[in-house]
Amino acid sequence: LQAARYLFTHPIEATDKLRASATRYIISWMTGSPDYSFTLDAKAMKFTKGNDDWLSLYLAGMIQYALEKNAPKADPKTVTLEACKMIIAYAKNSDNNMKPNAELKKMIKASDEGRLSEYLK
């Protein structure tokens, strides 16, 4: 949880070694956790294409939601939706150095229009 929170509370910077370490840790934890399992949603992941920092935020968002809600068997659609909400909030803060690509812009627009759930279907 601490590693996931770190990713959402610090801007994306190539020189941030703690960010890289946090990313490695969450990937290791996700693949090795006997209690929690996660489903990667293809639609939600479209915005991460070619960007490891954005993929790490998606993974961190899923972890953060599941752990904060103590929901090891949470509905995958709910986990994805909540992770995407966190990513959108992060992306909207220009200090985080996340310049949205076309897919992320579509996701942000859907969220702003109150149809994020529909967009993710």
N, C-alpha and C. Protein backbone atom coordinates (compact mmCIF):
# COMPACT_ATOMS: atom_id res chain seq x y z
N LEU A 1 0.83 -1.20 0.00
CA LEU A 1 0.00 0.00 0.00
C LEU A 1 0.87 1.25 0.00
N GLN A 2 1.94 1.21 0.77
CA GLN A 2 2.84 2.36 0.83
C GLN A 2 3.48 2.62 -0.53
N ALA A 3 3.86 1.58 -1.24
CA ALA A 3 4.47 1.75 -2.56
C ALA A 3 3.45 2.32 -3.55
N ALA A 4 2.22 1.83 -3.50
CA ALA A 4 1.17 2.34 -4.39
C ALA A 4 0.89 3.80 -4.09
N ARG A 5 0.80 4.14 -2.83
CA ARG A 5 0.55 5.54 -2.46
C ARG A 5 1.69 6.45 -2.90
N TYR A 6 2.90 5.94 -2.81
CA TYR A 6 4.06 6.73 -3.24
C TYR A 6 3.90 7.17 -4.70
N LEU A 7 3.51 6.22 -5.54
CA LEU A 7 3.37 6.53 -6.97
C LEU A 7 2.34 7.62 -7.22
N PHE A 8 1.29 7.64 -6.42
CA PHE A 8 0.23 8.65 -6.62
C PHE A 8 0.52 9.98 -5.92
N THR A 9 1.54 10.03 -5.10
CA THR A 9 1.83 11.27 -4.38
C THR A 9 3.12 11.94 -4.85
N HIS A 10 3.74 11.37 -5.86
CA HIS A 10 4.96 11.97 -6.40
C HIS A 10 4.85 12.10 -7.92
N PRO A 11 5.39 13.18 -8.46
CA PRO A 11 5.31 13.37 -9.92
C PRO A 11 6.19 12.37 -10.66
N ILE A 12 5.85 12.16 -11.92
CA ILE A 12 6.64 11.27 -12.77
C ILE A 12 7.92 12.00 -13.15
N GLU A 13 9.04 11.44 -12.74
CA GLU A 13 10.36 11.99 -13.06
C GLU A 13 11.29 10.83 -13.35
N ALA A 14 12.00 10.91 -14.45
CA ALA A 14 12.90 9.84 -14.86
C ALA A 14 14.00 9.58 -13.84
N THR A 15 14.34 10.58 -13.06
CA THR A 15 15.43 10.43 -12.09
C THR A 15 14.97 9.91 -10.73
N ASP A 16 13.70 9.66 -10.57
CA ASP A 16 13.15 9.22 -9.28
C ASP A 16 13.37 7.72 -9.10
N LYS A 17 14.44 7.37 -8.38
CA LYS A 17 14.78 5.95 -8.17
C LYS A 17 13.78 5.27 -7.24
N LEU A 18 13.18 6.01 -6.32
CA LEU A 18 12.18 5.42 -5.44
C LEU A 18 10.93 5.02 -6.22
N ARG A 19 10.60 5.79 -7.24
CA ARG A 19 9.44 5.47 -8.08
C ARG A 19 9.67 4.13 -8.79
N ALA A 20 10.86 3.95 -9.33
CA ALA A 20 11.19 2.69 -10.00
C ALA A 20 11.16 1.53 -9.01
N SER A 21 11.67 1.75 -7.84
CA SER A 21 11.67 0.72 -6.80
C SER A 21 10.25 0.37 -6.37
N ALA A 22 9.42 1.39 -6.20
CA ALA A 22 8.02 1.17 -5.81
C ALA A 22 7.29 0.37 -6.90
N THR A 23 7.57 0.68 -8.14
CA THR A 23 6.94 -0.04 -9.25
C THR A 23 7.35 -1.50 -9.24
N ARG A 24 8.63 -1.77 -9.09
CA ARG A 24 9.10 -3.17 -9.02
C ARG A 24 8.42 -3.90 -7.86
N TYR A 25 8.30 -3.22 -6.74
CA TYR A 25 7.70 -3.85 -5.57
C TYR A 25 6.22 -4.20 -5.81
N ILE A 26 5.46 -3.28 -6.38
CA ILE A 26 4.04 -3.57 -6.57
C ILE A 26 3.84 -4.70 -7.58
N ILE A 27 4.67 -4.75 -8.60
CA ILE A 27 4.56 -5.85 -9.57
C ILE A 27 4.88 -7.17 -8.90
N SER A 28 5.92 -7.19 -8.11
CA SER A 28 6.29 -8.41 -7.38
C SER A 28 5.18 -8.82 -6.41
N TRP A 29 4.63 -7.85 -5.70
CA TRP A 29 3.57 -8.15 -4.74
C TRP A 29 2.33 -8.67 -5.45
N MET A 30 1.96 -8.04 -6.55
CA MET A 30 0.75 -8.46 -7.27
C MET A 30 0.87 -9.89 -7.79
N THR A 31 2.02 -10.24 -8.28
CA THR A 31 2.20 -11.58 -8.85
C THR A 31 2.40 -12.64 -7.78
N GLY A 32 2.77 -12.23 -6.57
CA GLY A 32 3.04 -13.21 -5.53
C GLY A 32 2.03 -13.27 -4.40
N SER A 33 1.05 -12.39 -4.39
CA SER A 33 0.09 -12.36 -3.30
C SER A 33 -0.83 -13.58 -3.36
N PRO A 34 -0.87 -14.35 -2.27
CA PRO A 34 -1.78 -15.49 -2.25
C PRO A 34 -3.23 -15.10 -1.95
N ASP A 35 -3.43 -13.90 -1.43
CA ASP A 35 -4.76 -13.48 -0.99
C ASP A 35 -5.49 -12.57 -1.99
N TYR A 36 -4.74 -11.82 -2.76
CA TYR A 36 -5.35 -10.87 -3.69
C TYR A 36 -5.04 -11.29 -5.11
N SER A 37 -6.03 -11.12 -5.96
CA SER A 37 -5.80 -11.36 -7.39
C SER A 37 -6.40 -10.19 -8.17
N PHE A 38 -5.78 -9.89 -9.29
CA PHE A 38 -6.17 -8.73 -10.07
C PHE A 38 -6.35 -9.12 -11.53
N THR A 39 -7.31 -8.48 -12.16
CA THR A 39 -7.59 -8.69 -13.57
C THR A 39 -7.27 -7.40 -14.31
N LEU A 40 -6.40 -7.51 -15.30
CA LEU A 40 -6.05 -6.34 -16.09
C LEU A 40 -7.08 -6.17 -17.19
N ASP A 41 -7.73 -5.03 -17.18
CA ASP A 41 -8.79 -4.73 -18.14
C ASP A 41 -8.19 -4.13 -19.41
N ALA A 42 -8.42 -4.78 -20.55
CA ALA A 42 -7.83 -4.34 -21.82
C ALA A 42 -8.26 -2.93 -22.19
N LYS A 43 -9.51 -2.59 -21.98
CA LYS A 43 -10.00 -1.25 -22.32
C LYS A 43 -9.31 -0.19 -21.46
N ALA A 44 -9.22 -0.47 -20.18
CA ALA A 44 -8.59 0.49 -19.27
C ALA A 44 -7.10 0.63 -19.57
N MET A 45 -6.47 -0.44 -19.99
CA MET A 45 -5.03 -0.41 -20.24
C MET A 45 -4.64 0.27 -21.54
N LYS A 46 -5.61 0.59 -22.40
CA LYS A 46 -5.28 1.21 -23.68
C LYS A 46 -4.47 2.49 -23.51
N PHE A 47 -4.75 3.23 -22.45
CA PHE A 47 -4.05 4.50 -22.25
C PHE A 47 -2.59 4.29 -21.83
N THR A 48 -2.25 3.09 -21.35
CA THR A 48 -0.89 2.82 -20.87
C THR A 48 0.06 2.42 -21.98
N LYS A 49 -0.45 2.19 -23.17
CA LYS A 49 0.35 1.67 -24.27
C LYS A 49 1.67 2.43 -24.43
N GLY A 50 2.75 1.70 -24.25
CA GLY A 50 4.07 2.28 -24.45
C GLY A 50 4.57 3.16 -23.32
N ASN A 51 3.86 3.20 -22.19
CA ASN A 51 4.29 4.05 -21.09
C ASN A 51 4.28 3.27 -19.78
N ASP A 52 5.45 2.87 -19.35
CA ASP A 52 5.58 2.07 -18.13
C ASP A 52 5.14 2.83 -16.88
N ASP A 53 5.36 4.15 -16.85
CA ASP A 53 4.93 4.94 -15.69
C ASP A 53 3.42 4.89 -15.53
N TRP A 54 2.72 4.96 -16.64
CA TRP A 54 1.26 4.95 -16.59
C TRP A 54 0.74 3.57 -16.22
N LEU A 55 1.41 2.53 -16.73
CA LEU A 55 1.03 1.17 -16.35
C LEU A 55 1.23 0.97 -14.86
N SER A 56 2.32 1.49 -14.33
CA SER A 56 2.56 1.34 -12.89
C SER A 56 1.48 2.06 -12.08
N LEU A 57 0.98 3.19 -12.57
CA LEU A 57 -0.11 3.88 -11.87
C LEU A 57 -1.39 3.05 -11.91
N TYR A 58 -1.66 2.41 -13.03
CA TYR A 58 -2.85 1.56 -13.13
C TYR A 58 -2.76 0.41 -12.13
N LEU A 59 -1.62 -0.24 -12.07
CA LEU A 59 -1.42 -1.34 -11.11
C LEU A 59 -1.52 -0.83 -9.68
N ALA A 60 -0.89 0.31 -9.42
CA ALA A 60 -0.92 0.89 -8.07
C ALA A 60 -2.34 1.26 -7.67
N GLY A 61 -3.12 1.77 -8.61
CA GLY A 61 -4.50 2.12 -8.31
C GLY A 61 -5.33 0.90 -7.92
N MET A 62 -5.11 -0.20 -8.63
CA MET A 62 -5.84 -1.42 -8.28
C MET A 62 -5.46 -1.91 -6.89
N ILE A 63 -4.17 -1.89 -6.61
CA ILE A 63 -3.69 -2.32 -5.29
C ILE A 63 -4.24 -1.41 -4.20
N GLN A 64 -4.12 -0.12 -4.41
CA GLN A 64 -4.56 0.82 -3.38
C GLN A 64 -6.04 0.63 -3.07
N TYR A 65 -6.86 0.51 -4.09
CA TYR A 65 -8.29 0.31 -3.85
C TYR A 65 -8.54 -0.99 -3.09
N ALA A 66 -7.97 -2.08 -3.56
CA ALA A 66 -8.23 -3.39 -2.93
C ALA A 66 -7.75 -3.43 -1.48
N LEU A 67 -6.59 -2.86 -1.21
CA LEU A 67 -6.06 -2.90 0.15
C LEU A 67 -6.80 -1.94 1.08
N GLU A 68 -7.11 -0.75 0.60
CA GLU A 68 -7.82 0.21 1.45
C GLU A 68 -9.23 -0.27 1.78
N LYS A 69 -9.84 -1.00 0.88
CA LYS A 69 -11.18 -1.53 1.12
C LYS A 69 -11.14 -2.93 1.73
N ASN A 70 -9.93 -3.44 1.94
CA ASN A 70 -9.75 -4.81 2.47
C ASN A 70 -10.62 -5.78 1.68
N ALA A 71 -10.46 -5.73 0.36
CA ALA A 71 -11.32 -6.50 -0.54
C ALA A 71 -10.49 -7.38 -1.47
N PRO A 72 -9.98 -8.51 -0.94
CA PRO A 72 -9.16 -9.37 -1.78
C PRO A 72 -9.92 -9.96 -2.97
N LYS A 73 -11.20 -10.09 -2.86
CA LYS A 73 -12.01 -10.66 -3.95
C LYS A 73 -12.95 -9.61 -4.54
N ALA A 74 -12.50 -8.36 -4.59
CA ALA A 74 -13.34 -7.27 -5.11
C ALA A 74 -13.68 -7.51 -6.57
N ASP A 75 -14.85 -7.01 -6.95
CA ASP A 75 -15.29 -7.11 -8.34
C ASP A 75 -14.26 -6.44 -9.24
N PRO A 76 -13.72 -7.15 -10.23
CA PRO A 76 -12.67 -6.57 -11.10
C PRO A 76 -13.10 -5.28 -11.79
N LYS A 77 -14.37 -5.17 -12.15
CA LYS A 77 -14.84 -3.94 -12.82
C LYS A 77 -14.80 -2.75 -11.86
N THR A 78 -15.12 -3.00 -10.61
CA THR A 78 -15.07 -1.94 -9.61
C THR A 78 -13.63 -1.53 -9.35
N VAL A 79 -12.74 -2.50 -9.25
CA VAL A 79 -11.32 -2.21 -9.02
C VAL A 79 -10.77 -1.37 -10.18
N THR A 80 -11.10 -1.76 -11.40
CA THR A 80 -10.65 -1.02 -12.58
C THR A 80 -11.20 0.40 -12.57
N LEU A 81 -12.48 0.54 -12.31
CA LEU A 81 -13.12 1.86 -12.29
C LEU A 81 -12.44 2.76 -11.26
N GLU A 82 -12.23 2.26 -10.06
CA GLU A 82 -11.63 3.07 -9.00
C GLU A 82 -10.18 3.41 -9.32
N ALA A 83 -9.44 2.48 -9.91
CA ALA A 83 -8.06 2.75 -10.30
C ALA A 83 -8.03 3.85 -11.36
N CYS A 84 -8.94 3.77 -12.32
CA CYS A 84 -9.00 4.79 -13.37
C CYS A 84 -9.35 6.16 -12.81
N LYS A 85 -10.22 6.21 -11.82
CA LYS A 85 -10.54 7.48 -11.17
C LYS A 85 -9.29 8.10 -10.54
N MET A 86 -8.47 7.26 -9.91
CA MET A 86 -7.24 7.75 -9.29
C MET A 86 -6.27 8.28 -10.35
N ILE A 87 -6.19 7.57 -11.47
CA ILE A 87 -5.30 7.98 -12.55
C ILE A 87 -5.75 9.30 -13.14
N ILE A 88 -7.03 9.45 -13.33
CA ILE A 88 -7.58 10.70 -13.88
C ILE A 88 -7.27 11.87 -12.95
N ALA A 89 -7.47 11.68 -11.68
CA ALA A 89 -7.16 12.75 -10.71
C ALA A 89 -5.67 13.10 -10.76
N TYR A 90 -4.85 12.08 -10.86
CA TYR A 90 -3.40 12.29 -10.94
C TYR A 90 -3.05 13.04 -12.22
N ALA A 91 -3.63 12.64 -13.34
CA ALA A 91 -3.33 13.24 -14.64
C ALA A 91 -3.78 14.70 -14.70
N LYS A 92 -4.84 15.03 -14.02
CA LYS A 92 -5.36 16.40 -14.05
C LYS A 92 -4.48 17.39 -13.29
N ASN A 93 -3.60 16.89 -12.46
CA ASN A 93 -2.66 17.75 -11.73
C ASN A 93 -1.41 17.91 -12.59
N SER A 94 -1.24 19.06 -13.21
CA SER A 94 -0.11 19.28 -14.13
C SER A 94 1.25 19.12 -13.45
N ASP A 95 1.31 19.27 -12.14
CA ASP A 95 2.57 19.09 -11.42
C ASP A 95 3.08 17.65 -11.48
N ASN A 96 2.21 16.72 -11.85
CA ASN A 96 2.59 15.30 -11.89
C ASN A 96 3.29 14.90 -13.19
N ASN A 97 3.43 15.82 -14.12
CA ASN A 97 4.16 15.56 -15.37
C ASN A 97 3.58 14.43 -16.20
N MET A 98 2.28 14.31 -16.21
CA MET A 98 1.62 13.27 -16.99
C MET A 98 0.86 13.95 -18.12
N LYS A 99 1.42 13.90 -19.31
CA LYS A 99 0.78 14.52 -20.46
C LYS A 99 -0.12 13.48 -21.13
N PRO A 100 -1.42 13.65 -21.06
CA PRO A 100 -2.35 12.64 -21.57
C PRO A 100 -2.20 12.38 -23.07
N ASN A 101 -2.21 11.10 -23.43
CA ASN A 101 -2.27 10.72 -24.84
C ASN A 101 -3.75 10.71 -25.25
N ALA A 102 -4.02 10.34 -26.49
CA ALA A 102 -5.40 10.39 -27.00
C ALA A 102 -6.34 9.50 -26.17
N GLU A 103 -5.90 8.32 -25.80
CA GLU A 103 -6.76 7.41 -25.04
C GLU A 103 -7.05 7.94 -23.64
N LEU A 104 -6.03 8.49 -23.00
CA LEU A 104 -6.25 9.05 -21.66
C LEU A 104 -7.17 10.26 -21.74
N LYS A 105 -7.03 11.05 -22.79
CA LYS A 105 -7.94 12.19 -22.97
C LYS A 105 -9.38 11.72 -23.11
N LYS A 106 -9.59 10.62 -23.82
CA LYS A 106 -10.94 10.06 -23.96
C LYS A 106 -11.48 9.61 -22.61
N MET A 107 -10.62 8.98 -21.82
CA MET A 107 -11.04 8.51 -20.50
C MET A 107 -11.37 9.69 -19.59
N ILE A 108 -10.55 10.72 -19.62
CA ILE A 108 -10.80 11.92 -18.81
C ILE A 108 -12.11 12.58 -19.23
N LYS A 109 -12.33 12.69 -20.53
CA LYS A 109 -13.56 13.29 -21.03
C LYS A 109 -14.78 12.50 -20.58
N ALA A 110 -14.69 11.17 -20.68
CA ALA A 110 -15.80 10.31 -20.25
C ALA A 110 -16.07 10.53 -18.76
N SER A 111 -15.03 10.64 -17.99
CA SER A 111 -15.18 10.87 -16.55
C SER A 111 -15.82 12.23 -16.28
N ASP A 112 -15.35 13.25 -16.97
CA ASP A 112 -15.90 14.59 -16.80
C ASP A 112 -17.39 14.65 -17.15
N GLU A 113 -17.80 13.79 -18.08
CA GLU A 113 -19.20 13.74 -18.51
C GLU A 113 -20.02 12.75 -17.69
N GLY A 114 -19.40 12.15 -16.68
CA GLY A 114 -20.12 11.22 -15.81
C GLY A 114 -20.38 9.86 -16.44
N ARG A 115 -19.59 9.48 -17.44
CA ARG A 115 -19.82 8.21 -18.09
C ARG A 115 -18.56 7.33 -18.14
N LEU A 116 -17.75 7.40 -17.09
CA LEU A 116 -16.54 6.61 -17.04
C LEU A 116 -16.84 5.11 -17.03
N SER A 117 -17.83 4.70 -16.27
CA SER A 117 -18.22 3.28 -16.24
C SER A 117 -18.60 2.80 -17.63
N GLU A 118 -19.35 3.61 -18.33
CA GLU A 118 -19.78 3.25 -19.69
C GLU A 118 -18.56 3.17 -20.62
N TYR A 119 -17.65 4.11 -20.50
CA TYR A 119 -16.45 4.13 -21.32
C TYR A 119 -15.62 2.85 -21.12
N LEU A 120 -15.56 2.38 -19.91
CA LEU A 120 -14.74 1.21 -19.60
C LEU A 120 -15.37 -0.12 -20.01
N LYS A 121 -16.61 -0.10 -20.45
CA LYS A 121 -17.26 -1.36 -20.86
C LYS A 121 -16.73 -1.84 -22.16
